[in-house]
Protein backbone atom coordinates (compact mmCIF):
# COMPACT_ATOMS: atom_id res chain seq x y z
CA MET A 1 -95.40 192.23 34.33
CA GLY A 2 -97.42 193.45 37.53
CA SER A 3 -97.11 192.53 41.13
CA PHE A 4 -99.61 191.06 43.36
CA PHE A 5 -100.42 191.98 47.29
CA LEU A 6 -102.21 191.29 50.11
CA ASN A 7 -104.02 193.63 52.80
CA GLU A 8 -107.58 193.35 54.56
CA THR A 9 -109.81 193.26 51.41
CA GLY A 10 -108.06 190.49 49.50
CA VAL A 11 -105.06 189.68 47.22
CA TRP A 12 -104.92 192.38 44.53
CA PHE A 13 -102.91 192.48 41.29
CA ALA A 14 -101.09 195.69 40.62
CA PRO A 15 -100.84 195.78 36.26
CA PRO A 16 -97.96 197.42 35.16
CA PRO A 17 -98.26 201.22 34.18
CA ASN A 18 -99.68 201.52 30.91
CA SER A 19 -97.92 203.28 27.80
CA LYS A 20 -98.09 206.71 28.87
CA GLY A 21 -96.63 205.54 32.22
CA GLU A 22 -99.13 206.05 34.28
CA PRO A 23 -100.15 203.74 36.95
CA SER A 24 -103.21 201.27 36.28
CA GLU A 25 -106.12 200.12 38.68
CA PRO A 26 -105.42 197.36 40.78
CA ILE A 27 -107.47 194.17 40.34
CA TRP A 28 -109.18 192.34 42.91
CA VAL A 29 -108.29 188.61 42.58
CA CYS A 30 -109.66 186.98 45.94
CA SER A 31 -110.35 187.32 49.69
CA PRO A 32 -107.34 187.36 51.68
CA LEU A 33 -105.46 184.38 51.12
CA GLU A 34 -101.58 183.72 52.39
CA VAL A 35 -99.51 181.26 51.33
CA LEU A 36 -97.43 180.21 54.52
CA SER A 37 -95.09 177.46 53.52
CA ILE A 38 -93.85 175.36 50.84
CA THR A 39 -94.33 171.51 51.41
CA ARG A 40 -92.67 168.73 50.11
CA ASP A 41 -92.11 164.68 51.17
CA HIS A 42 -89.25 163.27 52.27
CA ASP A 43 -87.73 162.58 48.89
CA ASN A 44 -88.24 166.10 47.97
CA GLU A 45 -91.04 165.67 45.78
CA ASN A 46 -94.63 166.03 45.66
CA HIS A 47 -94.32 169.95 46.24
CA GLY A 48 -96.95 171.85 47.86
CA LYS A 49 -97.75 175.52 49.28
CA LEU A 50 -99.93 175.78 52.65
CA LEU A 51 -102.56 178.02 52.19
CA ARG A 52 -104.54 179.73 54.70
CA PHE A 53 -107.70 181.62 54.20
CA TYR A 54 -110.60 182.53 56.30
CA ASP A 55 -114.16 181.83 55.27
CA TYR A 56 -117.62 184.23 55.18
CA ASP A 57 -118.08 184.08 58.98
CA GLY A 58 -114.18 184.70 59.26
CA MET A 59 -113.36 181.08 60.56
CA GLU A 60 -109.64 180.45 59.66
CA HIS A 61 -108.60 177.43 56.90
CA ARG A 62 -105.69 176.12 56.09
CA TRP A 63 -104.96 173.57 52.98
CA PRO A 64 -101.55 172.13 52.14
CA MET A 65 -102.48 171.91 48.41
CA PRO A 66 -100.72 169.95 45.97
CA MET A 67 -99.24 171.80 43.21
CA GLU A 68 -100.01 169.55 40.83
CA LEU A 69 -103.68 171.12 40.99
CA LEU A 70 -102.47 173.98 39.49
CA ALA A 71 -101.70 172.17 36.02
CA GLY A 72 -104.38 172.68 33.77
CA ASP A 73 -107.22 175.50 34.01
CA GLY A 74 -106.86 174.82 37.81
CA THR A 75 -110.40 174.30 38.30
CA PRO A 76 -109.97 171.36 41.11
CA TYR A 77 -108.00 173.69 43.39
CA ARG A 78 -110.84 176.36 42.86
CA LYS A 79 -113.68 174.12 43.97
CA ILE A 80 -112.17 173.05 47.04
CA LEU A 81 -111.56 176.94 47.71
CA LEU A 82 -115.01 177.99 47.12
CA SER A 83 -115.89 175.13 49.08
CA GLY A 84 -114.21 176.40 52.00
CA GLY A 85 -115.78 179.87 51.71
CA LEU A 86 -112.65 181.64 49.73
CA GLN A 87 -114.09 184.70 47.74
CA ILE A 88 -112.66 184.63 43.92
CA LYS A 89 -113.09 187.08 41.24
CA GLU A 90 -115.69 186.18 38.71
CA SER A 91 -114.17 186.31 35.75
CA LYS A 92 -111.31 184.04 33.29
CA GLN A 93 -108.81 186.57 34.24
CA GLY A 94 -109.59 186.58 38.03
CA ARG A 95 -108.96 182.66 37.97
CA ASP A 96 -105.91 183.31 35.77
CA LEU A 97 -104.67 185.52 38.38
CA LEU A 98 -105.09 183.51 41.26
CA SER A 99 -103.13 180.48 39.91
CA ARG A 100 -100.15 182.95 39.13
CA TYR A 101 -100.67 184.14 42.10
CA ILE A 102 -100.06 180.83 44.10
CA GLN A 103 -97.55 179.69 41.75
CA GLY A 104 -95.42 183.15 42.29
CA SER A 105 -95.39 182.80 46.07
CA ASN A 106 -92.58 181.71 47.46
CA PRO A 107 -91.96 181.81 51.38
CA LYS A 108 -89.01 181.13 52.90
CA GLU A 109 -90.44 178.82 55.36
CA ARG A 110 -90.60 174.66 54.49
CA MET A 111 -92.87 171.78 55.85
CA ARG A 112 -92.95 167.74 55.19
CA CYS A 113 -95.90 166.52 53.72
CA VAL A 114 -97.09 162.99 54.04
CA TYR A 115 -100.06 161.54 52.13
CA GLN A 116 -101.27 159.00 54.63
CA LEU A 117 -102.81 159.58 58.16
CA GLY A 118 -101.05 157.81 61.04
CA TRP A 119 -97.73 156.83 62.16
CA TYR A 120 -94.68 159.11 60.43
CA ASN A 121 -91.94 157.98 62.78
CA TYR A 122 -92.61 159.26 65.76
CA LEU A 123 -95.39 161.57 64.88
CA TYR A 124 -98.88 160.86 64.50
CA ILE A 125 -100.44 162.52 61.47
CA LEU A 126 -104.01 163.79 61.38
CA PRO A 127 -106.12 166.23 58.67
CA LYS A 128 -106.03 169.41 60.32
CA GLU A 129 -102.60 168.19 63.41
CA THR A 130 -100.40 166.39 64.09
CA ILE A 131 -99.58 164.76 67.04
CA GLY A 132 -96.20 164.55 68.79
CA GLU A 133 -92.74 166.84 68.66
CA SER A 134 -91.11 166.95 65.01
CA ILE A 135 -87.40 167.12 65.32
CA ASP A 136 -86.33 169.41 62.53
CA GLU A 137 -89.64 170.25 60.38
CA GLU A 138 -92.99 170.58 60.44
CA VAL A 139 -95.08 167.89 59.41
CA VAL A 140 -98.48 168.08 57.80
CA PHE A 141 -100.95 165.91 55.72
CA GLN A 142 -101.44 166.96 52.29
CA ALA A 143 -104.12 165.53 50.18
CA CYS A 144 -105.83 166.50 46.99
CA ILE A 145 -109.26 167.00 48.56
CA PRO A 146 -109.37 167.89 52.51
CA LEU A 147 -110.74 165.19 54.56
CA THR A 148 -113.36 167.70 56.49
CA ASP A 149 -115.38 164.53 58.08
CA HIS A 150 -112.58 162.86 59.52
CA HIS A 151 -111.03 162.94 63.49
CA GLU A 152 -113.13 166.04 64.16
CA SER A 153 -114.20 166.79 67.75
CA ASN A 154 -116.61 168.13 69.91
CA GLY A 155 -116.67 168.73 73.52
CA CYS A 156 -113.92 167.78 76.23
CA LEU A 157 -112.38 164.65 77.09
CA GLU A 158 -114.32 164.62 80.77
CA ASP A 159 -117.44 165.25 78.72
CA TRP A 160 -116.42 162.05 76.97
CA GLN A 161 -115.86 160.41 80.20
CA LYS A 162 -119.26 161.20 82.00
CA HIS A 163 -121.26 161.13 79.10
CA VAL A 164 -120.21 157.79 77.19
CA ALA A 165 -117.15 155.89 78.18
CA LYS A 166 -118.81 155.96 82.04
CA TYR A 167 -121.53 153.47 80.35
CA CYS A 168 -119.29 151.29 79.34
CA VAL A 169 -118.76 150.00 82.89
CA ASP A 170 -120.43 146.73 83.60
CA ASN A 171 -121.10 146.16 79.91
CA SER A 172 -118.62 143.71 78.02
CA ARG A 173 -119.30 144.56 74.32
CA LEU A 174 -119.23 148.01 74.83
CA CYS A 175 -116.08 148.05 76.98
CA PHE A 176 -114.47 145.54 74.41
CA CYS A 177 -115.02 147.68 71.36
CA ALA A 178 -114.09 151.24 72.80
CA SER A 179 -110.51 149.02 73.73
CA VAL A 180 -110.87 147.95 70.24
CA GLY A 181 -110.41 151.55 69.16
CA PHE A 182 -107.43 152.25 71.71
CA ALA A 183 -105.51 148.98 69.95
CA ALA A 184 -105.73 150.40 66.45
CA PRO A 185 -103.18 152.90 67.00
CA LEU A 186 -100.71 150.23 68.85
CA LEU A 187 -100.42 147.95 65.94
CA TYR A 188 -97.66 149.64 64.38
CA LEU A 189 -95.61 150.48 67.75
CA LEU A 190 -96.13 146.58 68.57
CA GLY A 191 -95.69 145.49 65.24
CA GLU A 192 -98.73 143.75 65.26
CA GLU A 193 -101.20 142.68 62.19
CA SER A 194 -104.24 144.19 60.96
CA GLY A 195 -107.65 142.39 61.69
CA GLY A 196 -110.98 142.53 62.92
CA PHE A 197 -114.11 141.69 64.77
CA ASN A 198 -118.02 141.51 63.94
CA LEU A 199 -120.67 141.37 66.26
CA ARG A 200 -123.37 138.88 65.47
CA GLY A 201 -126.56 138.74 66.09
CA PRO A 202 -130.17 139.38 65.61
CA SER A 203 -131.70 143.51 64.88
CA SER A 204 -132.30 145.69 67.10
CA GLY A 205 -130.31 144.63 69.89
CA GLY A 206 -127.55 147.50 70.23
CA LYS A 207 -124.93 146.16 67.49
CA THR A 208 -124.46 149.97 65.96
CA THR A 209 -124.87 151.40 69.63
CA ALA A 210 -121.80 149.52 70.14
CA LEU A 211 -119.59 150.66 66.61
CA LYS A 212 -120.85 154.29 67.74
CA VAL A 213 -119.85 154.12 70.98
CA ALA A 214 -116.22 153.01 69.75
CA GLN A 215 -116.17 155.66 66.74
CA SER A 216 -116.70 158.38 69.33
CA ILE A 217 -113.14 157.52 70.19
CA TYR A 218 -111.76 159.25 67.04
CA GLY A 219 -114.81 161.39 65.50
CA SER A 220 -118.27 161.58 64.86
CA GLU A 221 -120.40 159.05 63.21
CA LYS A 222 -119.88 160.45 59.89
CA MET A 223 -116.47 158.41 60.13
CA LEU A 224 -118.87 155.25 60.47
CA HIS A 225 -118.86 153.34 57.22
CA SER A 226 -121.25 150.78 55.31
CA TRP A 227 -120.27 147.60 54.12
CA ARG A 228 -122.08 148.25 50.90
CA SER A 229 -119.20 148.73 48.56
CA THR A 230 -116.72 147.37 45.64
CA SER A 231 -113.33 145.92 46.78
CA ASN A 232 -111.88 149.12 45.56
CA GLY A 233 -113.61 151.62 47.36
CA PHE A 234 -112.74 149.30 50.57
CA GLU A 235 -109.01 149.98 49.53
CA SER A 236 -109.85 153.94 49.67
CA ILE A 237 -111.58 153.74 52.72
CA ALA A 238 -108.78 151.24 54.28
CA ALA A 239 -106.18 153.92 53.71
CA LEU A 240 -107.87 157.00 55.24
CA HIS A 241 -107.93 154.91 58.69
CA ASN A 242 -104.28 153.97 58.84
CA ASP A 243 -103.23 153.41 62.25
CA CYS A 244 -106.93 153.95 63.42
CA LEU A 245 -110.12 152.29 63.87
CA LEU A 246 -112.55 151.52 61.17
CA CYS A 247 -116.37 151.07 62.01
CA LEU A 248 -118.27 148.80 59.12
CA ASP A 249 -122.37 148.63 59.79
CA GLU A 250 -124.15 145.57 58.76
CA LEU A 251 -122.11 143.03 57.21
CA GLY A 252 -125.03 141.66 55.29
CA LYS A 253 -124.82 144.26 53.00
CA LEU A 254 -121.71 143.13 51.70
CA GLU A 255 -122.21 141.56 48.25
CA PRO A 256 -121.34 137.62 49.21
CA LYS A 257 -119.22 137.11 46.49
CA ILE A 258 -116.87 139.05 47.87
CA ALA A 259 -116.78 138.81 51.10
CA GLY A 260 -113.55 136.64 51.38
CA GLU A 261 -111.77 138.49 49.05
CA VAL A 262 -112.36 141.76 51.17
CA ALA A 263 -111.80 140.22 54.72
CA TYR A 264 -107.91 139.01 53.26
CA LEU A 265 -107.81 142.61 52.19
CA LEU A 266 -108.86 145.12 55.05
CA ALA A 267 -106.60 142.61 57.22
CA ASN A 268 -103.81 142.02 55.15
CA GLY A 269 -102.89 145.78 54.39
CA SER A 270 -102.71 146.69 51.29
CA GLY A 271 -104.84 147.16 47.97
CA LYS A 272 -104.16 145.42 44.59
CA GLN A 273 -101.44 146.38 41.99
CA ARG A 274 -102.26 148.59 39.57
CA SER A 275 -100.73 150.21 36.25
CA ASN A 276 -101.05 153.58 35.60
CA LYS A 277 -101.81 155.30 32.33
CA SER A 278 -97.99 154.83 30.83
CA GLY A 279 -98.21 151.50 32.04
CA TYR A 280 -95.81 151.53 35.12
CA ALA A 281 -96.97 150.10 38.18
CA ARG A 282 -98.72 152.63 40.20
CA LYS A 283 -98.12 152.76 43.92
CA LYS A 284 -100.55 150.14 46.15
CA GLN A 285 -102.44 151.93 48.85
CA THR A 286 -101.69 150.46 52.55
CA TRP A 287 -102.66 150.58 55.79
CA ARG A 288 -102.55 148.97 59.37
CA LEU A 289 -106.49 149.15 61.06
CA LEU A 290 -108.52 147.31 63.50
CA PHE A 291 -111.88 147.22 62.27
CA LEU A 292 -115.09 146.77 64.02
CA SER A 293 -118.21 145.25 62.34
CA ASN A 294 -122.09 144.23 63.10
CA GLY A 295 -124.54 141.88 61.34
CA GLU A 296 -127.14 139.48 61.35
CA ILE A 297 -124.70 136.81 59.82
CA GLY A 298 -121.18 136.27 59.98
CA LEU A 299 -118.71 136.32 57.30
CA SER A 300 -118.68 132.43 57.02
CA ASP A 301 -122.22 132.31 56.31
CA LEU A 302 -121.91 135.16 53.57
CA ILE A 303 -119.10 133.27 52.02
CA ARG A 304 -121.24 130.05 52.10
CA GLN A 305 -124.11 132.17 50.40
CA SER A 306 -121.95 132.80 47.35
CA GLY A 307 -121.34 129.07 47.41
CA GLN A 308 -117.14 129.87 48.00
CA LYS A 309 -115.68 127.79 50.78
CA VAL A 310 -114.96 128.92 54.35
CA ARG A 311 -110.64 129.31 54.71
CA ALA A 312 -109.67 129.35 58.47
CA GLY A 313 -107.89 132.49 57.49
CA GLN A 314 -110.65 134.51 56.90
CA GLU A 315 -112.36 133.46 60.07
CA VAL A 316 -109.04 134.39 62.21
CA ARG A 317 -109.00 137.79 60.13
CA VAL A 318 -112.49 138.50 60.73
CA VAL A 319 -113.55 137.10 64.13
CA ASP A 320 -117.47 136.78 64.81
CA ILE A 321 -118.12 137.50 68.64
CA PRO A 322 -122.11 136.41 69.65
CA ALA A 323 -123.44 140.32 70.65
CA PHE A 324 -126.18 139.36 72.72
CA THR A 325 -125.31 138.93 76.45
CA GLY A 326 -128.56 138.25 77.71
CA GLN A 327 -132.12 140.15 77.75
CA TYR A 328 -131.02 143.46 77.24
CA GLY A 329 -128.96 142.20 73.98
CA VAL A 330 -125.62 143.65 73.65
CA PHE A 331 -126.08 145.26 77.09
CA GLU A 332 -125.62 143.66 80.51
CA HIS A 333 -126.25 146.78 82.81
CA LEU A 334 -128.58 149.73 81.85
CA HIS A 335 -127.15 152.03 84.34
CA PHE A 336 -130.53 152.95 86.32
CA THR A 337 -132.26 153.61 82.46
CA ASP A 338 -135.94 152.47 81.79
CA SER A 339 -135.32 150.16 79.17
CA GLY A 340 -132.78 148.54 76.90
CA ASP A 341 -134.18 150.60 74.11
CA ALA A 342 -133.95 154.05 76.14
CA PHE A 343 -129.76 153.01 76.96
CA SER A 344 -129.39 152.28 73.56
CA ARG A 345 -130.90 156.18 72.49
CA MET A 346 -129.00 157.95 75.47
CA LEU A 347 -125.83 156.27 73.99
CA CYS A 348 -126.30 156.96 70.71
CA ALA A 349 -127.33 160.49 71.27
CA ASN A 350 -124.74 160.91 73.57
CA SER A 351 -121.67 159.61 71.21
CA GLU A 352 -122.92 161.94 68.60
CA LYS A 353 -122.17 165.15 70.96
CA TYR A 354 -119.16 164.37 72.56
CA TYR A 355 -116.51 163.08 70.17
CA GLY A 356 -113.19 162.44 69.10
CA THR A 357 -111.46 163.60 71.97
CA ALA A 358 -110.40 160.69 73.89
CA GLY A 359 -108.19 159.49 70.57
CA LYS A 360 -106.07 161.96 70.22
CA ALA A 361 -105.29 162.23 74.17
CA PHE A 362 -104.30 158.44 74.09
CA ILE A 363 -102.26 159.62 71.19
CA GLN A 364 -100.90 162.39 72.80
CA GLU A 365 -99.88 160.09 76.36
CA ILE A 366 -98.49 157.65 73.87
CA THR A 367 -95.86 160.31 71.95
CA LYS A 368 -94.72 161.37 75.36
CA ASN A 369 -92.57 158.51 76.21
CA ARG A 370 -93.36 155.68 73.61
CA SER A 371 -90.77 153.24 74.77
CA LYS A 372 -92.57 153.21 78.16
CA HIS A 373 -95.81 152.27 77.37
CA ILE A 374 -94.70 150.11 74.54
CA GLN A 375 -93.24 147.97 77.43
CA ARG A 376 -96.33 148.24 79.66
CA THR A 377 -98.76 147.16 76.76
CA GLU A 378 -96.37 144.14 75.75
CA ASP A 379 -96.55 143.27 79.53
CA LEU A 380 -100.21 143.46 79.77
CA ILE A 381 -100.85 141.04 76.69
CA ASP A 382 -98.56 138.49 78.12
CA GLN A 383 -100.71 138.50 81.38
CA PHE A 384 -103.78 138.29 79.54
CA LYS A 385 -102.48 135.13 77.16
CA LYS A 386 -101.23 133.46 80.23
CA LYS A 387 -104.74 133.88 81.89
CA ASN A 388 -106.70 133.11 79.43
CA THR A 389 -104.88 130.41 76.75
CA PRO A 390 -106.87 127.37 76.51
CA PRO A 391 -105.04 123.55 76.95
CA ASN A 392 -104.18 122.25 73.68
CA ALA A 393 -105.38 125.41 71.95
CA ASP A 394 -104.81 125.05 68.04
CA GLY A 395 -102.13 127.93 66.23
CA GLN A 396 -105.54 129.74 64.97
CA VAL A 397 -106.75 130.13 68.26
CA LEU A 398 -103.74 131.46 69.34
CA ARG A 399 -103.65 133.93 66.75
CA VAL A 400 -107.15 135.49 67.99
CA LEU A 401 -106.22 134.84 71.67
CA ASN A 402 -103.32 137.47 70.54
CA ARG A 403 -105.76 139.87 69.20
CA PHE A 404 -107.93 140.05 72.11
CA ALA A 405 -105.01 140.64 74.46
CA LEU A 406 -104.08 143.42 72.55
CA VAL A 407 -107.49 144.79 72.71
CA ALA A 408 -107.59 144.14 76.68
CA ALA A 409 -103.69 145.95 76.77
CA ALA A 410 -104.93 148.80 75.33
CA GLY A 411 -108.25 149.43 76.88
CA THR A 412 -106.38 148.85 80.43
CA LEU A 413 -103.27 151.16 79.23
CA ALA A 414 -106.10 153.57 78.27
CA THR A 415 -107.55 153.50 81.77
CA GLU A 416 -104.30 153.98 83.30
CA LEU A 417 -103.14 157.16 81.10
CA GLY A 418 -106.75 158.76 82.66
CA ILE A 419 -108.18 158.47 79.38
CA THR A 420 -111.34 156.39 80.03
CA GLY A 421 -112.13 156.51 83.47
CA TRP A 422 -112.73 152.86 83.92
CA THR A 423 -111.00 150.67 86.60
CA GLU A 424 -108.19 148.88 85.60
CA GLU A 425 -109.88 145.18 85.20
CA ASP A 426 -112.79 146.62 83.13
CA ALA A 427 -110.90 146.23 80.07
CA PHE A 428 -109.52 142.85 80.88
CA TRP A 429 -113.08 141.68 81.96
CA ALA A 430 -114.44 142.60 78.91
CA ALA A 431 -112.16 141.16 76.48
CA GLU A 432 -112.29 137.70 78.47
CA GLN A 433 -115.89 137.71 78.39
CA CYS A 434 -115.79 138.06 74.42
CA PHE A 435 -113.03 135.93 73.87
CA GLU A 436 -114.70 133.22 76.11
CA ALA A 437 -118.16 133.83 73.90
CA TRP A 438 -116.21 133.40 70.31
CA LEU A 439 -114.40 130.26 71.59
CA LYS A 440 -117.97 128.71 72.62
CA ASN A 441 -119.58 129.89 69.58
CA ARG A 442 -116.40 128.26 67.50
CA GLY A 443 -116.85 125.09 69.13
CA GLY A 444 -113.39 124.79 71.38
CA ALA A 445 -110.17 125.51 70.55
CA SER A 446 -109.21 123.02 67.57
CA ALA A 447 -108.10 124.02 64.21
CA GLN A 448 -111.52 125.70 62.36
CA GLU A 449 -110.46 123.86 59.14
CA GLY A 450 -110.97 120.63 60.84
CA GLN A 451 -114.50 121.61 61.42
CA GLU A 452 -115.21 122.94 57.77
CA ILE A 453 -113.99 119.59 57.34
CA LEU A 454 -116.79 117.92 59.17
CA HIS A 455 -119.36 120.08 58.27
CA GLN A 456 -118.78 119.40 54.68
CA VAL A 457 -118.58 115.86 54.95
CA ARG A 458 -121.90 115.92 57.01
CA LEU A 459 -123.68 118.05 54.31
CA TYR A 460 -122.61 115.87 52.00
CA PHE A 461 -124.19 112.83 53.73
CA GLU A 462 -127.08 114.72 54.31
CA GLN A 463 -128.09 116.06 50.79
CA HIS A 464 -126.67 112.88 48.79
CA GLY A 465 -127.09 110.07 51.44
CA ASP A 466 -129.99 108.49 49.95
CA CYS A 467 -129.59 109.66 46.04
CA ARG A 468 -126.27 108.86 44.92
CA PHE A 469 -125.41 105.62 47.51
CA THR A 470 -126.91 102.00 46.28
CA ILE A 471 -128.05 100.11 49.13
CA ILE A 472 -126.21 96.48 49.45
CA GLY A 473 -126.78 93.62 51.60
CA ASP A 474 -130.32 91.98 52.95
CA ARG A 475 -132.04 95.25 51.25
CA GLU A 476 -131.05 94.79 48.05
CA ASP A 477 -131.76 98.40 45.77
CA GLU A 478 -133.93 97.99 42.71
CA ARG A 479 -134.02 102.16 42.58
CA LYS A 480 -131.63 103.39 39.84
CA THR A 481 -128.63 105.29 41.16
CA ILE A 482 -127.91 108.59 39.16
CA ASN A 483 -123.88 109.57 39.54
CA ARG A 484 -123.17 107.06 42.09
CA ALA A 485 -120.85 107.82 44.64
CA GLY A 486 -120.40 104.66 46.40
CA TYR A 487 -122.84 102.11 48.30
CA LYS A 488 -124.40 101.84 51.41
CA LYS A 489 -125.15 98.73 54.27
CA LEU A 490 -127.31 98.69 57.29
CA ILE A 491 -125.18 97.12 60.07
CA GLU A 492 -126.45 97.01 63.47
CA GLY A 493 -129.10 99.30 63.01
CA GLY A 494 -127.20 101.88 61.61
CA TRP A 495 -125.60 102.82 57.85
CA HIS A 496 -122.02 102.26 56.45
CA TYR A 497 -121.43 104.13 53.63
CA PHE A 498 -118.41 102.86 51.29
CA VAL A 499 -117.55 105.62 48.71
CA LEU A 500 -115.56 105.14 45.87
CA PRO A 501 -112.33 106.79 45.62
CA GLU A 502 -112.69 109.36 43.37
CA SER A 503 -116.03 110.67 44.65
CA PHE A 504 -114.16 110.91 47.88
CA LYS A 505 -111.39 112.97 46.65
CA GLN A 506 -113.24 115.08 44.18
CA ASP A 507 -116.68 115.48 45.88
CA ILE A 508 -116.45 114.93 49.45
CA CYS A 509 -113.06 116.25 50.00
CA SER A 510 -113.97 119.39 47.57
CA GLY A 511 -111.86 122.59 48.53
CA PHE A 512 -109.29 120.78 51.32
CA ASP A 513 -106.23 119.17 51.39
CA ILE A 514 -106.99 115.48 51.12
CA HIS A 515 -104.55 114.29 53.86
CA ILE A 516 -105.80 116.58 56.05
CA ALA A 517 -109.51 115.76 55.71
CA ILE A 518 -108.30 112.16 56.32
CA ALA A 519 -106.61 112.79 59.65
CA VAL A 520 -109.63 114.83 60.39
CA LEU A 521 -111.90 112.17 59.65
CA LYS A 522 -109.92 109.25 61.04
CA GLU A 523 -109.20 111.35 64.54
CA LYS A 524 -113.16 111.76 64.98
CA GLY A 525 -113.75 108.47 64.31
CA TRP A 526 -116.46 109.20 61.12
CA LEU A 527 -113.81 107.13 58.63
CA LEU A 528 -113.39 103.41 59.61
CA THR A 529 -109.38 102.62 58.73
CA ASP A 530 -108.33 98.71 57.95
CA SER A 531 -106.34 96.26 59.89
CA GLU A 532 -103.30 98.25 59.64
CA GLY A 533 -104.65 101.53 59.79
CA LYS A 534 -105.05 102.54 55.92
CA SER A 535 -107.64 105.16 55.37
CA THR A 536 -109.00 103.21 52.72
CA ARG A 537 -110.19 99.53 52.90
CA ALA A 538 -111.05 96.08 50.80
CA GLU A 539 -114.27 95.43 50.51
CA SER A 540 -116.85 93.57 48.16
CA LEU A 541 -118.69 95.66 46.51
CA PRO A 542 -121.38 95.11 43.51
CA CYS A 543 -119.14 97.06 41.23
CA SER A 544 -116.33 94.40 41.20
CA GLU A 545 -115.85 90.59 41.33
CA SER A 546 -112.69 91.14 43.43
CA THR A 547 -112.74 93.52 46.44
CA THR A 548 -112.43 97.20 45.52
CA ARG A 549 -110.54 99.70 48.09
CA CYS A 550 -112.48 102.24 49.24
CA TYR A 551 -113.73 104.66 52.26
CA ARG A 552 -115.67 103.08 54.52
CA PHE A 553 -117.61 106.03 57.02
CA ASP A 554 -119.97 104.92 60.36
CA GLY A 555 -123.04 106.87 59.49
CA SER A 556 -123.98 107.26 63.23
CA LYS A 557 -121.02 108.99 64.27
CA VAL A 558 -121.27 111.35 61.12
CA PHE A 559 -124.99 112.00 62.42
CA SER A 560 -124.25 112.30 65.80
CA SER A 561 -125.17 115.48 67.35
CA GLU A 562 -121.55 116.78 67.85
CA LEU A 563 -118.75 118.03 65.88
């Protein structure tokens, strides 16, 4: 059968003696490669082996390799080893011997493997390390392809504080975005839902810079993704950022027809249910995350471009924050630089040079006394909500407020743990500024669905107020009305519209619950009720010799400046 041995020159195979009993020459298989441990998941499935080898420069590489990659001719696993710098004998014999060596090496050491980054019980799993103390066995992240670009670090925490975090002070959008980064790993601990924020504003104002600052908490700009992807692609991207921050650049690159679907996808934390080759249900990809985005438009604008309706739930999941704060775009304070452009370039350069240390330091502190830090975060969340809850706020506003409160609490906690170098007031101030800007841009604290209904009704009368309504009264209409929706009459200097029932239901209220729409329109005073408070009125219209029940709108209120 022969045997393998390992020395400083590599892995060797010693063939059995020849027919004369003479020893055969050893065959070199590959450069030094050790099998350190056998891995398996908590169900004792998905076995693998932890490999250690060195590249051409003597740098150490470790890879928990799934054993399933040994099936077939082994090309997938050899590609990864070769890419990492392992030297392998250039022949079929060498390839076969390498597979035999790995499969036949059975060390006594055992490790648990997981297939998802983020929290695993009391541990936080990263591609190349595990934060926290394991109770019994060491836990490692095992994947068919090593994540070389994820959670890399450069410089030390003090470098990041001095060259990146320092410049977030007195800049609400920068401070807020960084705080979102610290909030992401707290979702699991607090039982909070996923969601996102979108910095909305014109180009060349520093929006991408804000994302790079936030991304530097966890890694280099290689972890910054684009919105240009498919819904399937977003599933894989989201799964790789479980319990972490996902930064997505330029919302306008997202295909409008999938915008609403992607908003729900990222925030709901799970992908589509699919089947495997055998027809059985395949395990869905899942995640918990907060994501940061930027763009010249908001999610609602993108959805409308595709001709779809904007749902209140979509805008709650992706919160549009006005990006610009004044003459310097995203920035309020330039920290003695000459211009907003110079400040942005400096921050981008610093974020590309110092990264990946703050997130690890924050999580390490959390794992030391998890219950204490959870309680502190909950107290900070309550403080923020008590101070910033608007009077008579709708449930949607309260839901968004809770996410802003989490961000404020996370930034404050990171400061208290010595991660940011900010004062304890900075994160609260930044979150308050962004929440107020969002609330003002939204149009108040009432239900967003009501706002969408009013926008749709106004748009309908703007587009069809002349062509689909026949004039009655003193100014009889001689034009032929195509696709008549009703009639209109000049009353006391303003037009009143008499909308026929089916047109009201199928055209004006299309996409909305008609009962909710009527309640909103009556409360706003656009829809005039009869003497008994009913939503339809008996009116004398040319379409019938008797009275006709219809919906009567006061045009002067429909077209007033305020919604």
